[in-house]
Amino acid sequence: MDRKFKPLLYAEAAIPHFWRLEFDPAPRLIVSELHAGRYVETTTAFAGATTRINAPFAVDIDPAGLTRQ
């Protein structure tokens, strides 16, 4: 759903940003922005490293902190 259907539906709705959290093999956050009607990956944040994301708001994030305990 999060890789195939949601991006298409969100792009049709003109939602400018799409973030997807993956857990396998390790936590990572894939940040995409809408360009010409489709999402383009702009940033990938990997567990164990703090990554700065500027849009749609500024945040410093380490996906390792997003895992279930």
C-alpha atoms as a PDB file:
ATOM      1  CA  MET A   1       0.000   0.000   0.000  1.00  0.00           C
ATOM      2  CA  ASP A   2       2.639   2.539   1.054  1.00  0.00           C
ATOM      3  CA  ARG A   3       4.866   1.924  -1.971  1.00  0.00           C
ATOM      4  CA  LYS A   4       2.348   1.557  -4.806  1.00  0.00           C
ATOM      5  CA  PHE A   5      -1.144   2.825  -4.019  1.00  0.00           C
ATOM      6  CA  LYS A   6      -0.729   5.649  -1.523  1.00  0.00           C
ATOM      7  CA  PRO A   7       1.792   7.601  -3.619  1.00  0.00           C
ATOM      8  CA  LEU A   8      -0.580   7.495  -6.603  1.00  0.00           C
ATOM      9  CA  LEU A   9      -3.592   8.558  -4.561  1.00  0.00           C
ATOM     10  CA  TYR A  10      -1.694  11.291  -2.743  1.00  0.00           C
ATOM     11  CA  ALA A  11      -0.216  12.617  -6.003  1.00  0.00           C
ATOM     12  CA  GLU A  12      -3.706  12.773  -7.536  1.00  0.00           C
ATOM     13  CA  ALA A  13      -4.787  14.789  -4.502  1.00  0.00           C
ATOM     14  CA  ALA A  14      -1.754  17.088  -5.048  1.00  0.00           C
ATOM     15  CA  ILE A  15      -0.300  16.437  -1.592  1.00  0.00           C
ATOM     16  CA  PRO A  16       3.155  18.014  -1.918  1.00  0.00           C
ATOM     17  CA  HIS A  17       5.115  15.741   0.473  1.00  0.00           C
ATOM     18  CA  PHE A  18       5.099  11.993   1.106  1.00  0.00           C
ATOM     19  CA  TRP A  19       7.180  10.346   3.828  1.00  0.00           C
ATOM     20  CA  ARG A  20       7.523   6.561   4.093  1.00  0.00           C
ATOM     21  CA  LEU A  21       9.100   4.756   7.039  1.00  0.00           C
ATOM     22  CA  GLU A  22      10.732   1.394   6.286  1.00  0.00           C
ATOM     23  CA  PHE A  23      11.950  -1.044   8.951  1.00  0.00           C
ATOM     24  CA  ASP A  24      13.672  -3.770   6.935  1.00  0.00           C
ATOM     25  CA  PRO A  25      16.606  -4.295   6.969  1.00  0.00           C
ATOM     26  CA  ALA A  26      17.018  -1.260   9.275  1.00  0.00           C
ATOM     27  CA  PRO A  27      14.856   1.789   9.991  1.00  0.00           C
ATOM     28  CA  ARG A  28      14.987   4.469   7.314  1.00  0.00           C
ATOM     29  CA  LEU A  29      12.762   7.360   6.359  1.00  0.00           C
ATOM     30  CA  ILE A  30      12.245   8.056   2.658  1.00  0.00           C
ATOM     31  CA  VAL A  31      11.161  11.644   1.970  1.00  0.00           C
ATOM     32  CA  SER A  32       9.562  12.457  -1.388  1.00  0.00           C
ATOM     33  CA  GLU A  33       8.236  15.642  -2.952  1.00  0.00           C
ATOM     34  CA  LEU A  34       5.664  16.035  -5.694  1.00  0.00           C
ATOM     35  CA  HIS A  35       7.141  17.162  -9.029  1.00  0.00           C
ATOM     36  CA  ALA A  36       5.129  17.211 -12.273  1.00  0.00           C
ATOM     37  CA  GLY A  37       2.438  14.975 -10.795  1.00  0.00           C
ATOM     38  CA  ARG A  38       4.679  12.267  -9.352  1.00  0.00           C
ATOM     39  CA  TYR A  39       6.785  11.791  -6.254  1.00  0.00           C
ATOM     40  CA  VAL A  40      10.552  12.121  -6.424  1.00  0.00           C
ATOM     41  CA  GLU A  41      12.680  10.891  -3.523  1.00  0.00           C
ATOM     42  CA  THR A  42      14.607  13.833  -2.132  1.00  0.00           C
ATOM     43  CA  THR A  43      16.095  12.492   1.102  1.00  0.00           C
ATOM     44  CA  THR A  44      16.690   9.155   2.779  1.00  0.00           C
ATOM     45  CA  ALA A  45      17.388   9.248   6.492  1.00  0.00           C
ATOM     46  CA  PHE A  46      19.144   6.157   7.864  1.00  0.00           C
ATOM     47  CA  ALA A  47      19.058   4.832  11.424  1.00  0.00           C
ATOM     48  CA  GLY A  48      22.020   5.898  13.520  1.00  0.00           C
ATOM     49  CA  ALA A  49      22.504   9.244  11.782  1.00  0.00           C
ATOM     50  CA  THR A  50      20.647  12.488  12.330  1.00  0.00           C
ATOM     51  CA  THR A  51      19.339  13.917   9.069  1.00  0.00           C
ATOM     52  CA  ARG A  52      18.012  17.446   8.503  1.00  0.00           C
ATOM     53  CA  ILE A  53      14.746  17.631   6.560  1.00  0.00           C
ATOM     54  CA  ASN A  54      13.664  21.144   5.585  1.00  0.00           C
ATOM     55  CA  ALA A  55      10.271  20.685   3.935  1.00  0.00           C
ATOM     56  CA  PRO A  56       7.413  20.831   4.694  1.00  0.00           C
ATOM     57  CA  PHE A  57       8.971  21.925   8.002  1.00  0.00           C
ATOM     58  CA  ALA A  58      12.459  21.837   9.449  1.00  0.00           C
ATOM     59  CA  VAL A  59      13.241  18.777  11.549  1.00  0.00           C
ATOM     60  CA  ASP A  60      16.348  16.849  12.560  1.00  0.00           C
ATOM     61  CA  ILE A  61      15.553  13.148  12.733  1.00  0.00           C
ATOM     62  CA  ASP A  62      17.203   9.798  13.370  1.00  0.00           C
ATOM     63  CA  PRO A  63      14.852   6.979  12.256  1.00  0.00           C
ATOM     64  CA  ALA A  64      16.333   4.687  14.924  1.00  0.00           C
ATOM     65  CA  GLY A  65      14.181   6.552  17.427  1.00  0.00           C
ATOM     66  CA  LEU A  66      11.021   5.660  15.506  1.00  0.00           C
ATOM     67  CA  THR A  67      11.182   1.893  16.049  1.00  0.00           C
ATOM     68  CA  ARG A  68       8.728   0.027  18.201  1.00  0.00           C
ATOM     69  CA  GLN A  69      10.008  -1.015  21.592  1.00  0.00           C
END
